[in-house]
Structures are given as structure tokens and as C-alpha cells.
């Protein structure tokens, strides 16, 4: 089988290549200040789910405006999920205790390493 020949056009010849002095200059980037990590009113107390919802909504607005970092948003979401999980367990326990036919017994929490022994 004969070798395949690929023909390419000759390179373009440019009369005068632009020099660095004639190239447009890129605008200097302005350094943006890092958004604050602490929430305003961080000392405000969250004592019920209504306050927690208000706080979370405020943080969502601040995140949308770029006033808080992505890391701060992740931390807020993680803590909120833990509060939700704990509250959900408490509500389930209260529902079980309300039902007179069932009761809650304590569970022994064992790490996987302890279970092997």
C-alpha cells in the first residue's frame, strides 16, 4: 500500500509582525477584597426554628450578593443539617413516647473497632 501524502498550504507570510509596543495593553486587574467571614449579628441568639429559618434566609441572601465566602456557606449548611437531624430525632422520640403501646430503649453506641472485640 503506498504511503499517504498530506499536502498542507505554505505558511502565511506577514509583512510586519506586531511588536510588544504596538500590542494593546490589558487593563490592570484590581484586587478584590475577600468577603468577611463573620456574619453581622453573629452574636444573635437562635432559640427556635423560626429564628433559625430567618438566619438561614439572611445567609442565603448574603451568599447571593457575594458578602460571605463559599466555605462559610458550606459550614452554615452543615451546622443547619445537624440541627435539623437532632430536631427530627427529638420529634420522632416524642411521637413514640406519646404512643402508650411503644417505648424507647437506650441504644449502646459502639464504634466498629469495639464491635470486633
Protein backbone atom coordinates (compact mmCIF):
# COMPACT_ATOMS: atom_id res chain seq x y z
CA UNK A 1 0.00 0.00 0.00
CA UNK A 2 1.52 3.36 -0.99
CA UNK A 3 2.18 5.98 1.71
CA UNK A 4 -0.48 8.60 2.11
CA UNK A 5 0.73 12.08 1.22
CA UNK A 6 -0.76 15.01 3.08
CA UNK A 7 -0.40 18.39 1.40
CA UNK A 8 -0.55 21.47 3.52
CA UNK A 9 -0.69 25.07 2.34
CA UNK A 10 2.52 27.06 2.75
CA UNK A 11 2.82 29.22 5.88
CA UNK A 12 1.39 32.70 5.63
CA UNK A 13 3.88 35.49 5.26
CA UNK A 14 3.20 38.58 7.33
CA UNK A 15 4.79 41.82 6.24
CA UNK A 16 5.39 43.30 9.68
CA UNK A 17 4.70 41.27 12.80
CA UNK A 18 3.34 43.44 15.64
CA UNK A 19 5.85 44.21 18.32
CA UNK A 20 5.15 44.22 22.04
CA UNK A 21 4.99 48.01 21.97
CA UNK A 22 2.16 48.02 19.41
CA UNK A 23 0.02 45.37 21.08
CA UNK A 24 -2.91 46.64 23.17
CA UNK A 25 -2.27 46.65 26.87
CA UNK A 26 -4.52 44.59 29.11
CA UNK A 27 -6.19 46.59 31.87
CA UNK A 28 -4.62 46.04 35.26
CA UNK A 29 -6.69 43.78 37.48
CA UNK A 30 -7.95 45.33 40.64
CA UNK A 31 -7.58 43.16 43.69
CA UNK A 32 -10.94 42.38 45.21
CA UNK A 33 -11.15 42.32 48.95
CA UNK A 34 -12.05 38.97 50.46
CA UNK A 35 -15.60 38.91 51.75
CA UNK A 36 -15.96 38.94 55.51
CA UNK A 37 -16.31 35.53 57.11
CA UNK A 38 -18.24 36.56 60.21
CA UNK A 39 -21.93 37.17 59.90
CA UNK A 40 -23.20 40.53 61.08
CA UNK A 41 -25.11 39.95 64.25
CA UNK A 42 -23.23 36.67 64.73
CA UNK A 43 -23.89 37.02 68.44
CA UNK A 44 -27.65 36.94 67.86
CA UNK A 45 -29.27 34.01 69.57
CA UNK A 46 -31.17 31.35 67.65
CA UNK A 47 -33.58 29.79 70.10
CA UNK A 48 -36.26 28.30 67.87
CA UNK A 49 -36.85 27.10 64.33
CA UNK A 50 -38.36 30.43 63.31
CA UNK A 51 -35.15 32.26 64.25
CA UNK A 52 -33.12 29.58 62.50
CA UNK A 53 -35.11 29.97 59.28
CA UNK A 54 -34.69 33.77 59.40
CA UNK A 55 -30.95 33.37 59.94
CA UNK A 56 -30.61 30.87 57.06
CA UNK A 57 -32.57 33.09 54.69
CA UNK A 58 -30.38 36.08 55.59
CA UNK A 59 -27.28 33.99 54.89
CA UNK A 60 -28.70 32.86 51.54
CA UNK A 61 -29.18 36.49 50.53
CA UNK A 62 -25.67 37.39 51.71
CA UNK A 63 -24.21 34.46 49.77
CA UNK A 64 -26.06 35.54 46.61
CA UNK A 65 -24.62 39.05 47.00
CA UNK A 66 -21.11 37.64 47.48
CA UNK A 67 -20.84 39.02 51.00
CA UNK A 68 -19.74 35.69 52.52
CA UNK A 69 -17.36 33.04 51.25
CA UNK A 70 -18.36 29.70 49.82
CA UNK A 71 -16.62 28.00 52.74
CA UNK A 72 -18.76 29.95 55.22
CA UNK A 73 -21.91 28.95 53.34
CA UNK A 74 -20.86 25.27 53.44
CA UNK A 75 -20.25 25.48 57.19
CA UNK A 76 -23.63 27.11 57.80
CA UNK A 77 -25.39 24.42 55.75
CA UNK A 78 -23.56 21.64 57.60
CA UNK A 79 -24.47 23.02 61.02
CA UNK A 80 -28.07 23.60 59.94
CA UNK A 81 -28.33 19.98 58.76
CA UNK A 82 -27.06 18.77 62.15
CA UNK A 83 -29.67 20.90 63.95
CA UNK A 84 -32.37 19.58 61.63
CA UNK A 85 -31.31 15.95 62.22
CA UNK A 86 -31.28 16.39 66.01
CA UNK A 87 -34.69 18.09 65.96
CA UNK A 88 -36.10 15.37 63.73
CA UNK A 89 -34.89 12.66 66.12
CA UNK A 90 -36.40 14.50 69.09
CA UNK A 91 -39.75 14.77 67.30
CA UNK A 92 -39.71 11.07 66.43
CA UNK A 93 -38.87 10.20 70.05
CA UNK A 94 -41.69 12.41 71.31
CA UNK A 95 -44.14 10.72 68.92
CA UNK A 96 -43.06 7.28 70.16
CA UNK A 97 -43.38 8.30 73.81
CA UNK A 98 -46.84 9.73 73.13
CA UNK A 99 -47.93 6.33 71.84
CA UNK A 100 -48.61 4.36 75.02
CA UNK A 101 -48.02 0.97 73.39
CA UNK A 102 -44.41 1.62 72.48
CA UNK A 103 -41.39 2.82 74.42
CA UNK A 104 -37.86 3.96 73.69
CA UNK A 105 -34.91 1.98 74.96
CA UNK A 106 -31.37 3.27 75.14
CA UNK A 107 -29.00 2.18 72.40
CA UNK A 108 -25.42 1.34 73.20
CA UNK A 109 -23.22 3.29 70.83
CA UNK A 110 -20.27 1.17 69.77
CA UNK A 111 -17.57 2.03 67.29
CA UNK A 112 -16.86 -0.57 64.57
CA UNK A 113 -13.47 -1.34 66.17
CA UNK A 114 -15.13 -2.10 69.54
CA UNK A 115 -17.66 -4.43 67.89
CA UNK A 116 -14.85 -6.66 66.58
CA UNK A 117 -13.51 -7.36 70.07
